[in-house]
Protein backbone atom coordinates (compact mmCIF):
# COMPACT_ATOMS: atom_id res chain seq x y z
CA UNK A 1 26.55 -14.92 0.75
CA UNK A 2 27.67 -16.66 3.75
CA UNK A 3 25.82 -17.35 6.90
CA UNK A 4 25.84 -14.73 9.54
CA UNK A 5 25.35 -14.70 13.34
CA UNK A 6 25.69 -12.07 16.16
CA UNK A 7 29.44 -12.02 16.95
CA UNK A 8 30.59 -13.04 13.59
CA UNK A 9 31.55 -10.81 10.83
CA UNK A 10 28.92 -10.16 8.41
CA UNK A 11 29.03 -11.37 4.81
CA UNK A 12 29.96 -8.90 2.11
CA UNK A 13 27.47 -7.88 -0.65
CA UNK A 14 26.10 -10.80 -2.85
CA UNK A 15 28.86 -12.51 -4.77
CA UNK A 16 31.69 -11.59 -2.37
CA UNK A 17 32.15 -15.19 -1.31
CA UNK A 18 34.42 -16.68 1.37
CA UNK A 19 37.41 -18.52 0.43
CA UNK A 20 36.62 -21.90 -0.59
CA UNK A 21 33.14 -21.41 -1.63
CA UNK A 22 32.02 -21.91 -5.29
CA UNK A 23 32.55 -19.49 -8.15
CA UNK A 24 35.25 -19.27 -10.58
CA UNK A 25 37.87 -16.34 -10.82
CA UNK A 26 38.98 -14.26 -13.52
CA UNK A 27 42.78 -14.91 -14.59
CA UNK A 28 45.01 -13.43 -12.06
CA UNK A 29 42.30 -12.78 -9.50
CA UNK A 30 43.85 -14.64 -6.53
CA UNK A 31 43.64 -13.55 -2.96
CA UNK A 32 46.84 -11.61 -1.99
CA UNK A 33 47.76 -10.38 -5.19
CA UNK A 34 47.79 -6.56 -5.72
CA UNK A 35 44.96 -4.91 -7.54
CA UNK A 36 45.35 -1.69 -9.56
CA UNK A 37 42.66 0.63 -10.70
CA UNK A 38 41.64 -0.12 -14.26
CA UNK A 39 44.01 -3.25 -14.30
CA UNK A 40 42.81 -6.74 -15.70
CA UNK A 41 42.39 -7.75 -11.79
CA UNK A 42 39.90 -4.66 -11.30
CA UNK A 43 36.39 -5.67 -11.92
CA UNK A 44 34.89 -2.23 -12.66
CA UNK A 45 35.88 -1.75 -16.05
CA UNK A 46 34.08 -4.93 -17.24
CA UNK A 47 31.10 -4.32 -14.94
CA UNK A 48 30.77 -0.82 -16.36
CA UNK A 49 30.90 -1.98 -19.81
CA UNK A 50 27.96 -4.46 -19.12
CA UNK A 51 26.21 -1.77 -17.18
CA UNK A 52 26.59 0.85 -19.92
CA UNK A 53 25.58 -1.57 -22.57
CA UNK A 54 22.44 -2.66 -20.78
CA UNK A 55 21.54 1.19 -20.37
CA UNK A 56 21.98 1.97 -23.99
CA UNK A 57 19.79 -1.11 -24.94
CA UNK A 58 17.07 0.33 -22.60
CA UNK A 59 17.50 -2.66 -20.32
CA UNK A 60 17.34 -2.54 -16.42
CA UNK A 61 20.66 -4.04 -15.31
CA UNK A 62 22.04 -1.99 -12.28
CA UNK A 63 25.13 -2.61 -10.27
CA UNK A 64 24.93 -3.33 -6.77
CA UNK A 65 27.43 -3.72 -3.82
CA UNK A 66 31.02 -2.56 -3.70
CA UNK A 67 31.28 -1.74 -7.37
CA UNK A 68 28.09 0.42 -7.07
CA UNK A 69 29.72 2.37 -4.27
CA UNK A 70 32.61 2.86 -6.45
CA UNK A 71 30.26 4.49 -9.19
CA UNK A 72 28.40 6.65 -6.87
CA UNK A 73 31.50 7.86 -4.87
CA UNK A 74 33.95 8.31 -7.86
CA UNK A 75 36.22 10.92 -6.09
CA UNK A 76 37.20 8.60 -3.11
CA UNK A 77 40.08 5.94 -3.20
CA UNK A 78 38.30 2.72 -4.04
CA UNK A 79 38.18 -0.35 -1.92
CA UNK A 80 39.87 -2.92 -4.18
CA UNK A 81 40.39 -6.66 -3.50
CA UNK A 82 41.51 -9.61 -5.67
CA UNK A 83 38.76 -12.06 -6.52
CA UNK A 84 35.86 -9.58 -6.37
CA UNK A 85 32.73 -10.43 -8.22
CA UNK A 86 30.25 -8.36 -10.01
CA UNK A 87 26.99 -7.91 -8.58
CA UNK A 88 23.93 -6.64 -10.27
CA UNK A 89 20.24 -6.25 -9.67
CA UNK A 90 17.38 -6.53 -12.37
CA UNK A 91 13.64 -6.58 -12.34
CA UNK A 92 11.61 -9.65 -12.82
CA UNK A 93 9.63 -8.04 -15.68
CA UNK A 94 12.69 -7.53 -17.70
CA UNK A 95 14.64 -10.67 -16.68
CA UNK A 96 14.44 -12.64 -19.85
CA UNK A 97 15.74 -9.69 -22.04
CA UNK A 98 18.71 -9.09 -19.26
CA UNK A 99 19.51 -12.93 -19.65
CA UNK A 100 19.71 -12.49 -23.57
CA UNK A 101 21.83 -9.38 -23.17
CA UNK A 102 24.35 -11.10 -21.08
CA UNK A 103 24.62 -14.10 -23.17
CA UNK A 104 24.95 -11.82 -26.37
CA UNK A 105 27.72 -10.17 -24.28
CA UNK A 106 29.68 -13.22 -23.84
CA UNK A 107 28.47 -14.06 -20.26
CA UNK A 108 27.79 -17.73 -19.65
CA UNK A 109 24.92 -18.70 -17.32
CA UNK A 110 24.68 -21.45 -14.87
CA UNK A 111 21.69 -23.03 -16.54
CA UNK A 112 20.70 -25.33 -13.77
CA UNK A 113 20.76 -22.79 -10.93
CA UNK A 114 19.10 -20.14 -13.07
CA UNK A 115 16.39 -22.63 -14.00
CA UNK A 116 15.63 -23.51 -10.35
CA UNK A 117 16.29 -20.08 -8.87
CA UNK A 118 16.12 -17.35 -11.51
CA UNK A 119 12.97 -15.90 -10.29
CA UNK A 120 15.14 -14.47 -7.44
CA UNK A 121 18.85 -14.75 -8.19
CA UNK A 122 21.00 -15.84 -11.13
CA UNK A 123 24.62 -16.62 -11.71
CA UNK A 124 26.79 -16.06 -14.85
CA UNK A 125 30.58 -15.93 -15.69
CA UNK A 126 31.68 -12.98 -17.38
CA UNK A 127 33.90 -13.13 -20.51
CA UNK A 128 36.87 -12.55 -18.11
CA UNK A 129 35.81 -15.64 -16.12
CA UNK A 130 34.70 -13.54 -13.30
CA UNK A 131 31.51 -14.58 -11.51
CA UNK A 132 28.36 -12.31 -11.85
CA UNK A 133 25.51 -12.46 -9.53
CA UNK A 134 22.15 -10.94 -10.56
CA UNK A 135 19.48 -10.32 -7.82
CA UNK A 136 16.17 -10.12 -9.17
CA UNK A 137 13.83 -7.44 -7.61
CA UNK A 138 15.09 -7.84 -4.09
CA UNK A 139 18.13 -8.66 -2.07
CA UNK A 140 17.51 -11.28 0.48
CA UNK A 141 20.26 -11.04 3.32
CA UNK A 142 19.79 -10.09 6.96
CA UNK A 143 16.63 -8.33 5.78
CA UNK A 144 14.84 -7.99 2.54
CA UNK A 145 15.58 -5.06 0.35
CA UNK A 146 13.10 -4.39 -2.58
CA UNK A 147 14.82 -2.51 -5.30
CA UNK A 148 11.53 -1.91 -7.31
CA UNK A 149 10.35 1.53 -5.88
CA UNK A 150 13.47 3.50 -7.18
CA UNK A 151 15.16 0.90 -9.42
CA UNK A 152 15.33 3.48 -12.57
CA UNK A 153 16.42 6.56 -10.65
CA UNK A 154 20.18 6.10 -11.58
CA UNK A 155 21.41 4.90 -15.03
CA UNK A 156 24.13 2.52 -13.82
CA UNK A 157 23.41 1.45 -10.07
CA UNK A 158 20.52 0.85 -8.09
CA UNK A 159 19.33 4.00 -6.24
CA UNK A 160 21.97 5.54 -3.65
CA UNK A 161 19.52 4.74 -0.76
CA UNK A 162 19.36 1.11 -1.85
CA UNK A 163 23.34 0.86 -1.92
CA UNK A 164 23.46 2.31 1.70
CA UNK A 165 20.51 -0.03 2.91
CA UNK A 166 22.16 -3.08 1.44
CA UNK A 167 25.16 -2.23 3.80
CA UNK A 168 23.18 -0.85 6.74
CA UNK A 169 21.01 -4.14 6.85
CA UNK A 170 24.03 -6.21 7.85
CA UNK A 171 23.65 -7.19 11.51
CA UNK A 172 27.39 -7.59 12.33
CA UNK A 173 29.39 -4.90 10.24
CA UNK A 174 32.94 -5.61 9.08
CA UNK A 175 35.45 -3.06 8.01
CA UNK A 176 34.92 -3.27 4.33
CA UNK A 177 31.26 -2.52 5.12
CA UNK A 178 31.78 0.44 7.39
CA UNK A 179 34.12 1.97 4.80
CA UNK A 180 31.31 1.60 2.22
CA UNK A 181 28.72 3.13 4.53
CA UNK A 182 31.20 6.01 5.37
CA UNK A 183 32.13 6.65 1.66
CA UNK A 184 28.33 6.97 0.61
CA UNK A 185 27.74 9.29 3.69
CA UNK A 186 30.88 11.36 2.83
CA UNK A 187 29.99 11.71 -0.74
CA UNK A 188 26.06 12.20 -1.04
CA UNK A 189 23.94 14.61 0.88
CA UNK A 190 20.87 13.50 2.94
CA UNK A 191 17.70 14.81 1.20
CA UNK A 192 14.24 14.02 -0.19
CA UNK A 193 13.45 12.33 -3.57
CA UNK A 194 12.20 15.56 -4.76
CA UNK A 195 15.64 17.39 -4.33
CA UNK A 196 17.51 14.45 -6.06
CA UNK A 197 18.28 16.73 -9.10
CA UNK A 198 20.52 19.82 -9.12
CA UNK A 199 22.50 18.99 -6.30
CA UNK A 200 25.87 20.92 -5.11
CA UNK A 201 28.46 21.82 -7.67
CA UNK A 202 30.83 19.03 -8.72
CA UNK A 203 31.16 16.08 -11.04
CA UNK A 204 27.75 14.12 -10.75
CA UNK A 205 28.13 10.37 -9.85
CA UNK A 206 25.33 9.17 -11.83
CA UNK A 207 27.06 9.09 -15.13
CA UNK A 208 24.18 10.85 -16.89
CA UNK A 209 23.46 14.22 -17.79
CA UNK A 210 21.96 16.00 -14.71
CA UNK A 211 22.11 13.05 -12.32
CA UNK A 212 23.22 14.06 -8.82
CA UNK A 213 22.64 11.04 -6.46
CA UNK A 214 21.45 11.89 -2.95
CA UNK A 215 20.34 9.77 0.09
CA UNK A 216 16.62 9.65 -0.20
CA UNK A 217 15.10 10.27 3.19
CA UNK A 218 11.65 9.67 2.11
CA UNK A 219 12.22 5.97 1.10
CA UNK A 220 14.59 5.45 4.25
CA UNK A 221 11.87 6.68 6.70
CA UNK A 222 9.13 4.91 5.04
CA UNK A 223 11.02 1.49 5.02
CA UNK A 224 12.03 1.84 8.67
CA UNK A 225 8.70 2.88 9.84
CA UNK A 226 7.10 -0.18 8.37
CA UNK A 227 9.46 -2.79 9.54
CA UNK A 228 10.73 -2.90 13.19
CA UNK A 229 13.37 -5.51 12.15
CA UNK A 230 14.92 -3.09 9.72
CA UNK A 231 14.61 -0.17 12.11
CA UNK A 232 16.47 -2.08 14.69
CA UNK A 233 19.35 -3.20 12.70
CA UNK A 234 19.81 0.10 10.79
CA UNK A 235 19.55 2.33 14.03
CA UNK A 236 22.06 0.07 15.79
CA UNK A 237 24.43 0.32 12.96
CA UNK A 238 24.19 4.22 12.42
CA UNK A 239 24.43 4.64 16.35
CA UNK A 240 27.97 2.82 16.02
CA UNK A 241 29.30 5.17 13.46
CA UNK A 242 30.39 8.17 15.49
CA UNK A 243 32.45 5.93 17.87
CA UNK A 244 33.92 4.06 15.12
CA UNK A 245 35.01 7.27 13.40
CA UNK A 246 36.63 8.63 16.54
CA UNK A 247 38.64 5.56 17.16
CA UNK A 248 39.59 5.14 13.48
CA UNK A 249 39.29 8.46 11.60
CA UNK A 250 41.09 6.93 8.49
CA UNK A 251 37.90 5.14 7.76
CA UNK A 252 36.47 8.48 6.51
CA UNK A 253 37.75 9.15 2.88
CA UNK A 254 39.85 12.33 2.56
CA UNK A 255 38.38 15.54 1.64
CA UNK A 256 34.77 14.65 1.93
CA UNK A 257 31.98 17.06 0.74
CA UNK A 258 29.77 15.90 3.35
CA UNK A 259 30.22 14.98 7.17
CA UNK A 260 29.53 11.48 7.51
CA UNK A 261 28.97 11.52 11.18
CA UNK A 262 26.64 14.36 11.06
CA UNK A 263 24.61 12.71 8.20
CA UNK A 264 24.38 9.53 10.12
CA UNK A 265 22.89 11.48 13.07
CA UNK A 266 20.55 12.87 10.60
CA UNK A 267 19.39 9.60 9.43
CA UNK A 268 19.08 8.37 12.83
CA UNK A 269 16.87 11.18 13.90
CA UNK A 270 14.72 10.28 10.78
CA UNK A 271 14.44 6.74 11.61
CA UNK A 272 13.30 7.72 15.13
CA UNK A 273 10.76 10.21 14.05
CA UNK A 274 9.38 8.45 11.10
CA UNK A 275 5.82 7.46 11.53
CA UNK A 276 5.34 3.87 12.74
CA UNK A 277 2.59 1.41 11.66
CA UNK A 278 0.59 -0.89 13.93
CA UNK A 279 2.70 -4.03 12.62
CA UNK A 280 5.78 -1.92 13.58
CA UNK A 281 4.64 -1.15 17.08
CA UNK A 282 3.46 -4.80 17.85
CA UNK A 283 6.85 -6.19 16.83
CA UNK A 284 8.56 -3.51 18.99
CA UNK A 285 6.72 -4.87 21.89
CA UNK A 286 8.44 -8.04 21.42
CA UNK A 287 11.82 -6.39 20.93
CA UNK A 288 15.02 -8.30 20.97
CA UNK A 289 13.47 -11.50 22.69
CA UNK A 290 12.93 -12.83 19.26
CA UNK A 291 15.57 -12.66 16.43
CA UNK A 292 14.74 -9.74 13.91
CA UNK A 293 16.85 -10.80 11.10
CA UNK A 294 17.52 -13.63 8.75
CA UNK A 295 20.86 -15.75 8.75
CA UNK A 296 21.69 -15.62 4.94
CA UNK A 297 23.16 -18.97 3.68
CA UNK A 298 25.74 -19.29 0.85
CA UNK A 299 24.24 -21.04 -2.21
CA UNK A 300 26.73 -22.84 -4.25
CA UNK A 301 26.59 -23.15 -8.11
């Protein structure tokens, strides 16, 4: 997960390791090699097979990161790269069943790492040899993102708002993170949790009957209203998007059903208007004088 400081490029989602860091690669997954959708080098088919198998077995194993973006934004050109890992999330209460399922599916766990750290993160190698990272309950990077409140909303991925927040929490965005953010804001409407079903006409992205993912404004406002650090990072990133799109319009996917710039402004307005707690206000008084984010470190295995 790579360390991050202001001025440097942010790390990708968990499992997208920098060159030279631990983690095996699937055969043919070498940096610089072309990756075709659905080919042996594309991790999505294997990831979907594992996610669907878990869903069919009633287990909570949900895609996270760039592959989750592809699932909830299926109509846009995917962001492909060689050597991409598979990132999952699970809940601690079902962790043992998830481990047993992955092992039955031919995945090989890093037993030493998982015994020491399995309460928060686990590592496996898929049958292809591709690394799998499983985050338990939370994603701990620049900020802590708790998946539990909306974990069961979508069948194959963590909730769309959590996929988006996992990108917006990065203090220094790089191009792939900006592209993922813009794909989500281009594909999914901003609306409350009670409006998640029955969205606009078109192919649902949830891979289940009636699933129409949306960006949950209630969860978004509640999280940012409770934690000034989250608010500071997310509002800073949202404020950058209009200028980034103006400078590089090709970052927006073709034919989007939603206007990503307008939706970024809607989210920014929600962040500013969300009720703020006492803890938020006290931290806001300190402001940028004290660092408001963590510096995630790569953990070898």
